[in-house]
Amino acid sequence: MMQATTTGEHIAGAHIRRAVQREMMLALWRVTTSSIAGAASAYLEWRRKKRAVAELHDLSDRMLKDIGVERHDIERIVRSGQERGQISR
């Protein structure tokens, strides 16, 4: 035979359901915001590298030679994140 539930049990159950729903929504929010943040970060990094390539291409061959970079290596150097003095020949 089933026992009748009390009003207090119904209220407690409703609180638990709301707490679970709230935690699920927070988890979804965290996933969504971290995905957006990751995409924004990737976009900003792409823009930074594109700007670096453009700035290096604007330099004269003489200036590039002074810093140890050949024009055909600019994109590889920027893409790999190598700094001056780390260029392997």
C-alpha atoms as a PDB file:
ATOM      1  CA  MET A   1       0.000   0.000   0.000  1.00  0.00           C
ATOM      2  CA  MET A   2       1.365   3.415  -0.960  1.00  0.00           C
ATOM      3  CA  GLN A   3       1.570   6.149   1.558  1.00  0.00           C
ATOM      4  CA  ALA A   4       0.274   9.581   0.713  1.00  0.00           C
ATOM      5  CA  THR A   5       3.001  12.178   0.376  1.00  0.00           C
ATOM      6  CA  THR A   6       2.871  15.237   2.498  1.00  0.00           C
ATOM      7  CA  THR A   7       2.870  18.802   1.273  1.00  0.00           C
ATOM      8  CA  GLY A   8       6.361  19.165   2.703  1.00  0.00           C
ATOM      9  CA  GLU A   9       7.614  16.313   0.520  1.00  0.00           C
ATOM     10  CA  HIS A  10       6.088  17.943  -2.562  1.00  0.00           C
ATOM     11  CA  ILE A  11       7.754  21.248  -1.700  1.00  0.00           C
ATOM     12  CA  ALA A  12      11.095  19.533  -1.061  1.00  0.00           C
ATOM     13  CA  GLY A  13      10.819  17.702  -4.392  1.00  0.00           C
ATOM     14  CA  ALA A  14      10.039  20.936  -6.210  1.00  0.00           C
ATOM     15  CA  HIS A  15      13.066  22.623  -4.627  1.00  0.00           C
ATOM     16  CA  ILE A  16      15.291  19.749  -5.689  1.00  0.00           C
ATOM     17  CA  ARG A  17      13.958  19.840  -9.256  1.00  0.00           C
ATOM     18  CA  ARG A  18      14.542  23.612  -9.442  1.00  0.00           C
ATOM     19  CA  ALA A  19      18.052  23.211  -8.031  1.00  0.00           C
ATOM     20  CA  VAL A  20      18.848  20.522 -10.621  1.00  0.00           C
ATOM     21  CA  GLN A  21      17.404  22.667 -13.408  1.00  0.00           C
ATOM     22  CA  ARG A  22      19.416  25.654 -12.199  1.00  0.00           C
ATOM     23  CA  GLU A  23      22.636  23.597 -12.152  1.00  0.00           C
ATOM     24  CA  MET A  24      21.918  22.274 -15.647  1.00  0.00           C
ATOM     25  CA  MET A  25      21.343  25.808 -16.947  1.00  0.00           C
ATOM     26  CA  LEU A  26      24.565  27.015 -15.305  1.00  0.00           C
ATOM     27  CA  ALA A  27      26.485  24.132 -16.879  1.00  0.00           C
ATOM     28  CA  LEU A  28      25.002  24.970 -20.286  1.00  0.00           C
ATOM     29  CA  TRP A  29      25.871  28.645 -19.768  1.00  0.00           C
ATOM     30  CA  ARG A  30      29.476  27.763 -18.882  1.00  0.00           C
ATOM     31  CA  VAL A  31      29.854  25.568 -21.975  1.00  0.00           C
ATOM     32  CA  THR A  32      28.335  28.236 -24.210  1.00  0.00           C
ATOM     33  CA  THR A  33      30.413  31.091 -22.839  1.00  0.00           C
ATOM     34  CA  SER A  34      33.631  29.081 -22.925  1.00  0.00           C
ATOM     35  CA  SER A  35      32.926  28.146 -26.560  1.00  0.00           C
ATOM     36  CA  ILE A  36      32.315  31.786 -27.446  1.00  0.00           C
ATOM     37  CA  ALA A  37      35.434  32.840 -25.543  1.00  0.00           C
ATOM     38  CA  GLY A  38      37.468  30.189 -27.356  1.00  0.00           C
ATOM     39  CA  ALA A  39      36.193  31.311 -30.743  1.00  0.00           C
ATOM     40  CA  ALA A  40      36.867  34.954 -29.902  1.00  0.00           C
ATOM     41  CA  SER A  41      40.364  34.103 -28.730  1.00  0.00           C
ATOM     42  CA  ALA A  42      41.087  32.146 -31.922  1.00  0.00           C
ATOM     43  CA  TYR A  43      39.770  35.018 -34.041  1.00  0.00           C
ATOM     44  CA  LEU A  44      41.929  37.569 -32.202  1.00  0.00           C
ATOM     45  CA  GLU A  45      44.997  35.348 -32.588  1.00  0.00           C
ATOM     46  CA  TRP A  46      44.302  34.995 -36.320  1.00  0.00           C
ATOM     47  CA  ARG A  47      43.986  38.789 -36.632  1.00  0.00           C
ATOM     48  CA  ARG A  48      47.223  39.318 -34.667  1.00  0.00           C
ATOM     49  CA  LYS A  49      49.127  36.943 -36.964  1.00  0.00           C
ATOM     50  CA  LYS A  50      47.610  38.473 -40.089  1.00  0.00           C
ATOM     51  CA  ARG A  51      48.705  41.934 -38.899  1.00  0.00           C
ATOM     52  CA  ALA A  52      52.211  40.658 -38.094  1.00  0.00           C
ATOM     53  CA  VAL A  53      52.549  39.137 -41.580  1.00  0.00           C
ATOM     54  CA  ALA A  54      51.384  42.398 -43.178  1.00  0.00           C
ATOM     55  CA  GLU A  55      53.806  44.468 -41.093  1.00  0.00           C
ATOM     56  CA  LEU A  56      56.725  42.211 -41.949  1.00  0.00           C
ATOM     57  CA  HIS A  57      55.827  42.257 -45.653  1.00  0.00           C
ATOM     58  CA  ASP A  58      55.854  46.065 -45.472  1.00  0.00           C
ATOM     59  CA  LEU A  59      59.521  46.026 -44.433  1.00  0.00           C
ATOM     60  CA  SER A  60      62.203  46.392 -47.073  1.00  0.00           C
ATOM     61  CA  ASP A  61      64.379  43.422 -48.011  1.00  0.00           C
ATOM     62  CA  ARG A  62      67.274  45.183 -46.283  1.00  0.00           C
ATOM     63  CA  MET A  63      65.358  45.552 -43.009  1.00  0.00           C
ATOM     64  CA  LEU A  64      64.255  41.913 -43.163  1.00  0.00           C
ATOM     65  CA  LYS A  65      67.852  40.865 -43.743  1.00  0.00           C
ATOM     66  CA  ASP A  66      68.924  42.925 -40.726  1.00  0.00           C
ATOM     67  CA  ILE A  67      66.559  40.959 -38.491  1.00  0.00           C
ATOM     68  CA  GLY A  68      67.476  37.641 -40.103  1.00  0.00           C
ATOM     69  CA  VAL A  69      64.243  36.990 -41.972  1.00  0.00           C
ATOM     70  CA  GLU A  70      63.796  36.181 -45.623  1.00  0.00           C
ATOM     71  CA  ARG A  71      60.591  37.322 -47.275  1.00  0.00           C
ATOM     72  CA  HIS A  72      59.532  33.793 -48.227  1.00  0.00           C
ATOM     73  CA  ASP A  73      59.810  32.723 -44.550  1.00  0.00           C
ATOM     74  CA  ILE A  74      57.527  35.413 -43.095  1.00  0.00           C
ATOM     75  CA  GLU A  75      54.316  33.378 -42.987  1.00  0.00           C
ATOM     76  CA  ARG A  76      56.051  30.286 -41.593  1.00  0.00           C
ATOM     77  CA  ILE A  77      57.787  32.311 -38.900  1.00  0.00           C
ATOM     78  CA  VAL A  78      54.602  34.076 -37.828  1.00  0.00           C
ATOM     79  CA  ARG A  79      52.517  30.891 -38.005  1.00  0.00           C
ATOM     80  CA  SER A  80      54.995  28.887 -35.910  1.00  0.00           C
ATOM     81  CA  GLY A  81      55.401  31.717 -33.390  1.00  0.00           C
ATOM     82  CA  GLN A  82      59.167  31.878 -33.702  1.00  0.00           C
ATOM     83  CA  GLU A  83      60.791  35.024 -32.440  1.00  0.00           C
ATOM     84  CA  ARG A  84      63.981  36.665 -33.534  1.00  0.00           C
ATOM     85  CA  GLY A  85      66.936  34.459 -32.737  1.00  0.00           C
ATOM     86  CA  GLN A  86      64.853  31.281 -32.902  1.00  0.00           C
ATOM     87  CA  ILE A  87      64.826  30.973 -36.653  1.00  0.00           C
ATOM     88  CA  SER A  88      66.406  27.699 -37.658  1.00  0.00           C
ATOM     89  CA  ARG A  89      68.203  27.581 -40.965  1.00  0.00           C
END
